[in-house]
């Protein structure tokens, strides 16, 4: 191989600064995937304060005693969100 043939190969390689940023981004993605957030189930429903020992309903990263409590909380948060920007 001549020197002219080797030059395109050297140009195809990324500079060292760009390689580091790509590996750092890959490392951050691996850390996020390796450490998921754990959500703890409370003893009582956040809406009605009933005990959740036997049955529970999980929705939107929260635990509720039933579907009705989830809907109540969802409607409440939705109305608060509508009022907040105004």
PDB file of N, CA and C in Angstrom:
ATOM      1  N   UNK A   1       0.828  -1.187   0.000  1.00  0.00           N
ATOM      2  CA  UNK A   1       0.000   0.000   0.000  1.00  0.00           C
ATOM      3  C   UNK A   1       0.868   1.245   0.000  1.00  0.00           C
ATOM      4  N   UNK A   2       0.401   2.213  -0.712  1.00  0.00           N
ATOM      5  CA  UNK A   2       1.141   3.463  -0.766  1.00  0.00           C
ATOM      6  C   UNK A   2       0.587   4.418   0.281  1.00  0.00           C
ATOM      7  N   UNK A   3       1.230   5.544   0.456  1.00  0.00           N
ATOM      8  CA  UNK A   3       0.822   6.542   1.435  1.00  0.00           C
ATOM      9  C   UNK A   3      -0.515   7.169   1.047  1.00  0.00           C
ATOM     10  N   UNK A   4      -0.792   7.243  -0.244  1.00  0.00           N
ATOM     11  CA  UNK A   4      -2.050   7.825  -0.693  1.00  0.00           C
ATOM     12  C   UNK A   4      -3.238   6.944  -0.325  1.00  0.00           C
ATOM     13  N   UNK A   5      -3.064   5.637  -0.328  1.00  0.00           N
ATOM     14  CA  UNK A   5      -4.145   4.718   0.020  1.00  0.00           C
ATOM     15  C   UNK A   5      -4.436   4.748   1.517  1.00  0.00           C
ATOM     16  N   UNK A   6      -3.442   5.021   2.330  1.00  0.00           N
ATOM     17  CA  UNK A   6      -3.620   5.043   3.777  1.00  0.00           C
ATOM     18  C   UNK A   6      -4.323   6.307   4.250  1.00  0.00           C
ATOM     19  N   UNK A   7      -4.218   7.390   3.541  1.00  0.00           N
ATOM     20  CA  UNK A   7      -4.821   8.643   3.962  1.00  0.00           C
ATOM     21  C   UNK A   7      -6.346   8.567   4.061  1.00  0.00           C
ATOM     22  N   UNK A   8      -7.081   7.977   3.131  1.00  0.00           N
ATOM     23  CA  UNK A   8      -8.532   7.898   3.288  1.00  0.00           C
ATOM     24  C   UNK A   8      -8.933   7.114   4.543  1.00  0.00           C
ATOM     25  N   UNK A   9      -8.178   6.107   4.906  1.00  0.00           N
ATOM     26  CA  UNK A   9      -8.479   5.348   6.120  1.00  0.00           C
ATOM     27  C   UNK A   9      -8.332   6.230   7.349  1.00  0.00           C
ATOM     28  N   UNK A  10      -7.318   7.044   7.396  1.00  0.00           N
ATOM     29  CA  UNK A  10      -7.089   7.938   8.532  1.00  0.00           C
ATOM     30  C   UNK A  10      -8.182   8.998   8.591  1.00  0.00           C
ATOM     31  N   UNK A  11      -8.655   9.452   7.449  1.00  0.00           N
ATOM     32  CA  UNK A  11      -9.710  10.454   7.420  1.00  0.00           C
ATOM     33  C   UNK A  11     -11.041   9.855   7.859  1.00  0.00           C
ATOM     34  N   UNK A  12     -11.239   8.562   7.633  1.00  0.00           N
ATOM     35  CA  UNK A  12     -12.487   7.905   8.001  1.00  0.00           C
ATOM     36  C   UNK A  12     -12.613   7.748   9.522  1.00  0.00           C
ATOM     37  N   UNK A  13     -11.497   7.699  10.218  1.00  0.00           N
ATOM     38  CA  UNK A  13     -11.537   7.551  11.665  1.00  0.00           C
ATOM     39  C   UNK A  13     -11.969   8.859  12.302  1.00  0.00           C
ATOM     40  N   UNK A  14     -12.806   8.755  13.339  1.00  0.00           N
ATOM     41  CA  UNK A  14     -13.286   9.944  14.037  1.00  0.00           C
ATOM     42  C   UNK A  14     -12.195  10.484  14.951  1.00  0.00           C
ATOM     43  N   UNK A  15     -12.162  11.796  15.179  1.00  0.00           N
ATOM     44  CA  UNK A  15     -11.190  12.364  16.105  1.00  0.00           C
ATOM     45  C   UNK A  15     -11.419  11.825  17.511  1.00  0.00           C
ATOM     46  N   UNK A  16     -10.385  11.863  18.315  1.00  0.00           N
ATOM     47  CA  UNK A  16     -10.446  11.303  19.661  1.00  0.00           C
ATOM     48  C   UNK A  16     -11.496  11.996  20.522  1.00  0.00           C
ATOM     49  N   UNK A  17     -11.710  13.288  20.361  1.00  0.00           N
ATOM     50  CA  UNK A  17     -12.688  14.029  21.158  1.00  0.00           C
ATOM     51  C   UNK A  17     -14.109  13.536  20.928  1.00  0.00           C
ATOM     52  N   UNK A  18     -14.449  13.207  19.697  1.00  0.00           N
ATOM     53  CA  UNK A  18     -15.794  12.728  19.379  1.00  0.00           C
ATOM     54  C   UNK A  18     -16.015  11.313  19.899  1.00  0.00           C
ATOM     55  N   UNK A  19     -14.989  10.519  19.884  1.00  0.00           N
ATOM     56  CA  UNK A  19     -15.110   9.144  20.362  1.00  0.00           C
ATOM     57  C   UNK A  19     -15.409   9.136  21.854  1.00  0.00           C
ATOM     58  N   UNK A  20     -14.789  10.008  22.596  1.00  0.00           N
ATOM     59  CA  UNK A  20     -15.018  10.063  24.034  1.00  0.00           C
ATOM     60  C   UNK A  20     -16.452  10.447  24.350  1.00  0.00           C
ATOM     61  N   UNK A  21     -16.989  11.417  23.629  1.00  0.00           N
ATOM     62  CA  UNK A  21     -18.354  11.847  23.917  1.00  0.00           C
ATOM     63  C   UNK A  21     -19.352  10.747  23.593  1.00  0.00           C
ATOM     64  N   UNK A  22     -19.116   9.979  22.560  1.00  0.00           N
ATOM     65  CA  UNK A  22     -20.008   8.881  22.218  1.00  0.00           C
ATOM     66  C   UNK A  22     -19.957   7.791  23.273  1.00  0.00           C
ATOM     67  N   UNK A  23     -18.777   7.490  23.764  1.00  0.00           N
ATOM     68  CA  UNK A  23     -18.674   6.461  24.800  1.00  0.00           C
ATOM     69  C   UNK A  23     -19.266   6.944  26.107  1.00  0.00           C
ATOM     70  N   UNK A  24     -19.131   8.238  26.400  1.00  0.00           N
ATOM     71  CA  UNK A  24     -19.727   8.780  27.616  1.00  0.00           C
ATOM     72  C   UNK A  24     -21.242   8.722  27.530  1.00  0.00           C
ATOM     73  N   UNK A  25     -21.796   9.026  26.367  1.00  0.00           N
ATOM     74  CA  UNK A  25     -23.245   8.961  26.187  1.00  0.00           C
ATOM     75  C   UNK A  25     -23.733   7.518  26.323  1.00  0.00           C
ATOM     76  N   UNK A  26     -22.968   6.586  25.795  1.00  0.00           N
ATOM     77  CA  UNK A  26     -23.335   5.173  25.905  1.00  0.00           C
ATOM     78  C   UNK A  26     -23.277   4.717  27.359  1.00  0.00           C
ATOM     79  N   UNK A  27     -22.284   5.188  28.101  1.00  0.00           N
ATOM     80  CA  UNK A  27     -22.162   4.836  29.517  1.00  0.00           C
ATOM     81  C   UNK A  27     -23.349   5.367  30.316  1.00  0.00           C
ATOM     82  N   UNK A  28     -23.790   6.592  30.018  1.00  0.00           N
ATOM     83  CA  UNK A  28     -24.934   7.178  30.717  1.00  0.00           C
ATOM     84  C   UNK A  28     -26.203   6.379  30.446  1.00  0.00           C
ATOM     85  N   UNK A  29     -26.388   5.933  29.203  1.00  0.00           N
ATOM     86  CA  UNK A  29     -27.559   5.126  28.859  1.00  0.00           C
ATOM     87  C   UNK A  29     -27.535   3.806  29.618  1.00  0.00           C
ATOM     88  N   UNK A  30     -26.362   3.205  29.749  1.00  0.00           N
ATOM     89  CA  UNK A  30     -26.237   1.941  30.474  1.00  0.00           C
ATOM     90  C   UNK A  30     -26.546   2.135  31.955  1.00  0.00           C
ATOM     91  N   UNK A  31     -26.119   3.264  32.533  1.00  0.00           N
ATOM     92  CA  UNK A  31     -26.392   3.536  33.938  1.00  0.00           C
ATOM     93  C   UNK A  31     -27.886   3.689  34.177  1.00  0.00           C
ATOM     94  N   UNK A  32     -28.569   4.382  33.264  1.00  0.00           N
ATOM     95  CA  UNK A  32     -30.015   4.555  33.407  1.00  0.00           C
ATOM     96  C   UNK A  32     -30.724   3.217  33.304  1.00  0.00           C
ATOM     97  N   UNK A  33     -30.289   2.368  32.392  1.00  0.00           N
ATOM     98  CA  UNK A  33     -30.919   1.067  32.219  1.00  0.00           C
ATOM     99  C   UNK A  33     -30.600   0.141  33.390  1.00  0.00           C
ATOM    100  N   UNK A  34     -29.434   0.279  33.974  1.00  0.00           N
ATOM    101  CA  UNK A  34     -29.023  -0.601  35.058  1.00  0.00           C
ATOM    102  C   UNK A  34     -29.700  -0.243  36.376  1.00  0.00           C
ATOM    103  N   UNK A  35     -30.057   1.016  36.583  1.00  0.00           N
ATOM    104  CA  UNK A  35     -30.632   1.438  37.857  1.00  0.00           C
ATOM    105  C   UNK A  35     -32.047   1.995  37.663  1.00  0.00           C
ATOM    106  N   UNK A  36     -33.058   1.115  37.502  1.00  0.00           N
ATOM    107  CA  UNK A  36     -34.424   1.626  37.370  1.00  0.00           C
ATOM    108  C   UNK A  36     -34.928   2.147  38.709  1.00  0.00           C
ATOM    109  N   UNK A  37     -35.820   3.106  38.646  1.00  0.00           N
ATOM    110  CA  UNK A  37     -36.363   3.657  39.874  1.00  0.00           C
ATOM    111  C   UNK A  37     -37.385   2.693  40.434  1.00  0.00           C
ATOM    112  N   UNK A  38     -37.303   2.438  41.715  1.00  0.00           N
ATOM    113  CA  UNK A  38     -38.216   1.518  42.365  1.00  0.00           C
ATOM    114  C   UNK A  38     -39.274   2.327  43.097  1.00  0.00           C
ATOM    115  N   UNK A  39     -40.532   2.027  42.817  1.00  0.00           N
ATOM    116  CA  UNK A  39     -41.640   2.732  43.447  1.00  0.00           C
ATOM    117  C   UNK A  39     -42.199   1.835  44.538  1.00  0.00           C
ATOM    118  N   UNK A  40     -42.248   2.373  45.738  1.00  0.00           N
ATOM    119  CA  UNK A  40     -42.744   1.593  46.861  1.00  0.00           C
ATOM    120  C   UNK A  40     -44.251   1.744  46.996  1.00  0.00           C
ATOM    121  N   UNK A  41     -44.909   0.645  47.307  1.00  0.00           N
ATOM    122  CA  UNK A  41     -46.350   0.656  47.503  1.00  0.00           C
ATOM    123  C   UNK A  41     -46.626   1.062  48.942  1.00  0.00           C
ATOM    124  N   UNK A  42     -47.417   2.087  49.108  1.00  0.00           N
ATOM    125  CA  UNK A  42     -47.771   2.531  50.441  1.00  0.00           C
ATOM    126  C   UNK A  42     -48.763   1.589  51.093  1.00  0.00           C
ATOM    127  N   UNK A  43     -48.971   1.727  52.378  1.00  0.00           N
ATOM    128  CA  UNK A  43     -49.910   0.878  53.096  1.00  0.00           C
ATOM    129  C   UNK A  43     -51.347   1.311  52.848  1.00  0.00           C
ATOM    130  N   UNK A  44     -51.557   2.594  52.544  1.00  0.00           N
ATOM    131  CA  UNK A  44     -52.899   3.128  52.351  1.00  0.00           C
ATOM    132  C   UNK A  44     -53.012   3.832  51.013  1.00  0.00           C
ATOM    133  N   UNK A  45     -54.251   3.893  50.518  1.00  0.00           N
ATOM    134  CA  UNK A  45     -54.543   4.583  49.258  1.00  0.00           C
ATOM    135  C   UNK A  45     -54.339   6.084  49.454  1.00  0.00           C
ATOM    136  N   UNK A  46     -53.674   6.779  48.513  1.00  0.00           N
ATOM    137  CA  UNK A  46     -53.446   8.219  48.678  1.00  0.00           C
ATOM    138  C   UNK A  46     -54.717   9.059  48.540  1.00  0.00           C
ATOM    139  N   UNK A  47     -55.784   8.509  47.949  1.00  0.00           N
ATOM    140  CA  UNK A  47     -57.017   9.260  47.740  1.00  0.00           C
ATOM    141  C   UNK A  47     -57.980   9.097  48.907  1.00  0.00           C
ATOM    142  N   UNK A  48     -58.299   7.832  49.255  1.00  0.00           N
ATOM    143  CA  UNK A  48     -59.324   7.592  50.271  1.00  0.00           C
ATOM    144  C   UNK A  48     -58.766   7.067  51.594  1.00  0.00           C
ATOM    145  N   UNK A  49     -57.491   6.775  51.650  1.00  0.00           N
ATOM    146  CA  UNK A  49     -56.794   6.315  52.851  1.00  0.00           C
ATOM    147  C   UNK A  49     -57.243   4.917  53.302  1.00  0.00           C
ATOM    148  N   UNK A  50     -57.767   4.096  52.392  1.00  0.00           N
ATOM    149  CA  UNK A  50     -58.120   2.710  52.714  1.00  0.00           C
ATOM    150  C   UNK A  50     -56.853   1.858  52.722  1.00  0.00           C
ATOM    151  N   UNK A  51     -56.894   0.772  53.470  1.00  0.00           N
ATOM    152  CA  UNK A  51     -55.773  -0.152  53.519  1.00  0.00           C
ATOM    153  C   UNK A  51     -55.671  -0.911  52.196  1.00  0.00           C
ATOM    154  N   UNK A  52     -54.447  -1.147  51.733  1.00  0.00           N
ATOM    155  CA  UNK A  52     -54.225  -1.865  50.479  1.00  0.00           C
ATOM    156  C   UNK A  52     -53.484  -3.175  50.735  1.00  0.00           C
ATOM    157  N   UNK A  53     -53.887  -3.922  51.747  1.00  0.00           N
ATOM    158  CA  UNK A  53     -53.197  -5.165  52.062  1.00  0.00           C
ATOM    159  C   UNK A  53     -53.493  -6.264  51.050  1.00  0.00           C
ATOM    160  N   UNK A  54     -54.757  -6.444  50.687  1.00  0.00           N
ATOM    161  CA  UNK A  54     -55.127  -7.548  49.802  1.00  0.00           C
ATOM    162  C   UNK A  54     -55.154  -7.156  48.332  1.00  0.00           C
ATOM    163  N   UNK A  55     -55.842  -6.093  48.005  1.00  0.00           N
ATOM    164  CA  UNK A  55     -55.983  -5.693  46.604  1.00  0.00           C
ATOM    165  C   UNK A  55     -55.417  -4.297  46.413  1.00  0.00           C
ATOM    166  N   UNK A  56     -54.888  -4.048  45.224  1.00  0.00           N
ATOM    167  CA  UNK A  56     -54.412  -2.714  44.880  1.00  0.00           C
ATOM    168  C   UNK A  56     -54.437  -2.548  43.374  1.00  0.00           C
ATOM    169  N   UNK A  57     -54.412  -1.308  42.929  1.00  0.00           N
ATOM    170  CA  UNK A  57     -54.495  -0.931  41.523  1.00  0.00           C
ATOM    171  C   UNK A  57     -53.340   0.003  41.227  1.00  0.00           C
ATOM    172  N   UNK A  58     -52.491  -0.354  40.248  1.00  0.00           N
ATOM    173  CA  UNK A  58     -51.300   0.431  39.906  1.00  0.00           C
ATOM    174  C   UNK A  58     -51.533   1.156  38.586  1.00  0.00           C
ATOM    175  N   UNK A  59     -51.340   2.481  38.608  1.00  0.00           N
ATOM    176  CA  UNK A  59     -51.495   3.265  37.383  1.00  0.00           C
ATOM    177  C   UNK A  59     -50.679   4.542  37.505  1.00  0.00           C
ATOM    178  N   UNK A  60     -49.960   4.920  36.446  1.00  0.00           N
ATOM    179  CA  UNK A  60     -49.173   6.161  36.383  1.00  0.00           C
ATOM    180  C   UNK A  60     -48.209   6.306  37.554  1.00  0.00           C
ATOM    181  N   UNK A  61     -47.484   5.250  37.848  1.00  0.00           N
ATOM    182  CA  UNK A  61     -46.451   5.235  38.889  1.00  0.00           C
ATOM    183  C   UNK A  61     -46.994   5.471  40.289  1.00  0.00           C
ATOM    184  N   UNK A  62     -48.252   5.136  40.526  1.00  0.00           N
ATOM    185  CA  UNK A  62     -48.849   5.249  41.852  1.00  0.00           C
ATOM    186  C   UNK A  62     -49.718   4.033  42.115  1.00  0.00           C
ATOM    187  N   UNK A  63     -49.937   3.730  43.384  1.00  0.00           N
ATOM    188  CA  UNK A  63     -50.798   2.635  43.786  1.00  0.00           C
ATOM    189  C   UNK A  63     -52.086   3.192  44.379  1.00  0.00           C
ATOM    190  N   UNK A  64     -53.226   2.592  44.017  1.00  0.00           N
ATOM    191  CA  UNK A  64     -54.534   2.990  44.519  1.00  0.00           C
ATOM    192  C   UNK A  64     -55.266   1.745  44.997  1.00  0.00           C
ATOM    193  N   UNK A  65     -56.330   1.944  45.802  1.00  0.00           N
ATOM    194  CA  UNK A  65     -57.086   0.795  46.293  1.00  0.00           C
ATOM    195  C   UNK A  65     -58.028   0.259  45.223  1.00  0.00           C
ATOM    196  N   UNK A  66     -58.473   1.089  44.282  1.00  0.00           N
ATOM    197  CA  UNK A  66     -59.378   0.642  43.223  1.00  0.00           C
ATOM    198  C   UNK A  66     -59.279   1.598  42.028  1.00  0.00           C
ATOM    199  N   UNK A  67     -59.953   1.212  40.957  1.00  0.00           N
ATOM    200  CA  UNK A  67     -59.925   2.019  39.746  1.00  0.00           C
ATOM    201  C   UNK A  67     -60.622   3.362  39.945  1.00  0.00           C
ATOM    202  N   UNK A  68     -61.649   3.381  40.788  1.00  0.00           N
ATOM    203  CA  UNK A  68     -62.374   4.617  41.049  1.00  0.00           C
ATOM    204  C   UNK A  68     -61.498   5.676  41.697  1.00  0.00           C
ATOM    205  N   UNK A  69     -60.635   5.275  42.620  1.00  0.00           N
ATOM    206  CA  UNK A  69     -59.718   6.230  43.261  1.00  0.00           C
ATOM    207  C   UNK A  69     -58.713   6.763  42.254  1.00  0.00           C
ATOM    208  N   UNK A  70     -58.255   5.902  41.339  1.00  0.00           N
ATOM    209  CA  UNK A  70     -57.340   6.374  40.312  1.00  0.00           C
ATOM    210  C   UNK A  70     -58.022   7.419  39.428  1.00  0.00           C
ATOM    211  N   UNK A  71     -59.271   7.160  39.028  1.00  0.00           N
ATOM    212  CA  UNK A  71     -59.992   8.095  38.175  1.00  0.00           C
ATOM    213  C   UNK A  71     -60.217   9.428  38.889  1.00  0.00           C
ATOM    214  N   UNK A  72     -60.530   9.375  40.182  1.00  0.00           N
ATOM    215  CA  UNK A  72     -60.728  10.595  40.963  1.00  0.00           C
ATOM    216  C   UNK A  72     -59.444  11.418  40.997  1.00  0.00           C
ATOM    217  N   UNK A  73     -58.328  10.757  41.259  1.00  0.00           N
ATOM    218  CA  UNK A  73     -57.036  11.443  41.320  1.00  0.00           C
ATOM    219  C   UNK A  73     -56.644  11.984  39.945  1.00  0.00           C
ATOM    220  N   UNK A  74     -56.928  11.221  38.897  1.00  0.00           N
ATOM    221  CA  UNK A  74     -56.601  11.646  37.540  1.00  0.00           C
ATOM    222  C   UNK A  74     -57.395  12.892  37.150  1.00  0.00           C
ATOM    223  N   UNK A  75     -58.689  12.891  37.449  1.00  0.00           N
ATOM    224  CA  UNK A  75     -59.531  14.054  37.134  1.00  0.00           C
ATOM    225  C   UNK A  75     -59.084  15.279  37.927  1.00  0.00           C
ATOM    226  N   UNK A  76     -58.720  15.065  39.183  1.00  0.00           N
ATOM    227  CA  UNK A  76     -58.271  16.169  40.030  1.00  0.00           C
ATOM    228  C   UNK A  76     -56.984  16.777  39.488  1.00  0.00           C
ATOM    229  N   UNK A  77     -56.027  15.937  39.124  1.00  0.00           N
ATOM    230  CA  UNK A  77     -54.758  16.446  38.594  1.00  0.00           C
ATOM    231  C   UNK A  77     -54.962  17.121  37.237  1.00  0.00           C
ATOM    232  N   UNK A  78     -55.902  16.619  36.456  1.00  0.00           N
ATOM    233  CA  UNK A  78     -56.184  17.210  35.147  1.00  0.00           C
ATOM    234  C   UNK A  78     -56.770  18.618  35.291  1.00  0.00           C
ATOM    235  N   UNK A  79     -57.690  18.797  36.230  1.00  0.00           N
ATOM    236  CA  UNK A  79     -58.272  20.139  36.436  1.00  0.00           C
ATOM    237  C   UNK A  79     -57.248  21.112  37.009  1.00  0.00           C
ATOM    238  N   UNK A  80     -56.355  20.611  37.871  1.00  0.00           N
ATOM    239  CA  UNK A  80     -55.297  21.469  38.424  1.00  0.00           C
ATOM    240  C   UNK A  80     -54.344  21.909  37.321  1.00  0.00           C
ATOM    241  N   UNK A  81     -54.049  21.009  36.382  1.00  0.00           N
ATOM    242  CA  UNK A  81     -53.146  21.335  35.283  1.00  0.00           C
ATOM    243  C   UNK A  81     -53.777  22.395  34.361  1.00  0.00           C
ATOM    244  N   UNK A  82     -55.083  22.331  34.188  1.00  0.00           N
ATOM    245  CA  UNK A  82     -55.755  23.308  33.335  1.00  0.00           C
ATOM    246  C   UNK A  82     -55.765  24.692  33.991  1.00  0.00           C
ATOM    247  N   UNK A  83     -55.914  24.743  35.297  1.00  0.00           N
ATOM    248  CA  UNK A  83     -55.969  26.017  36.015  1.00  0.00           C
ATOM    249  C   UNK A  83     -54.591  26.656  36.174  1.00  0.00           C
ATOM    250  N   UNK A  84     -53.559  25.857  36.250  1.00  0.00           N
ATOM    251  CA  UNK A  84     -52.210  26.353  36.549  1.00  0.00           C
ATOM    252  C   UNK A  84     -51.683  27.347  35.500  1.00  0.00           C
ATOM    253  N   UNK A  85     -51.711  27.085  34.192  1.00  0.00           N
ATOM    254  CA  UNK A  85     -51.142  28.028  33.226  1.00  0.00           C
ATOM    255  C   UNK A  85     -51.937  29.335  33.118  1.00  0.00           C
ATOM    256  N   UNK A  86     -53.195  29.332  33.430  1.00  0.00           N
ATOM    257  CA  UNK A  86     -54.025  30.531  33.241  1.00  0.00           C
ATOM    258  C   UNK A  86     -53.753  31.585  34.259  1.00  0.00           C
TER     259      UNK A  86
END
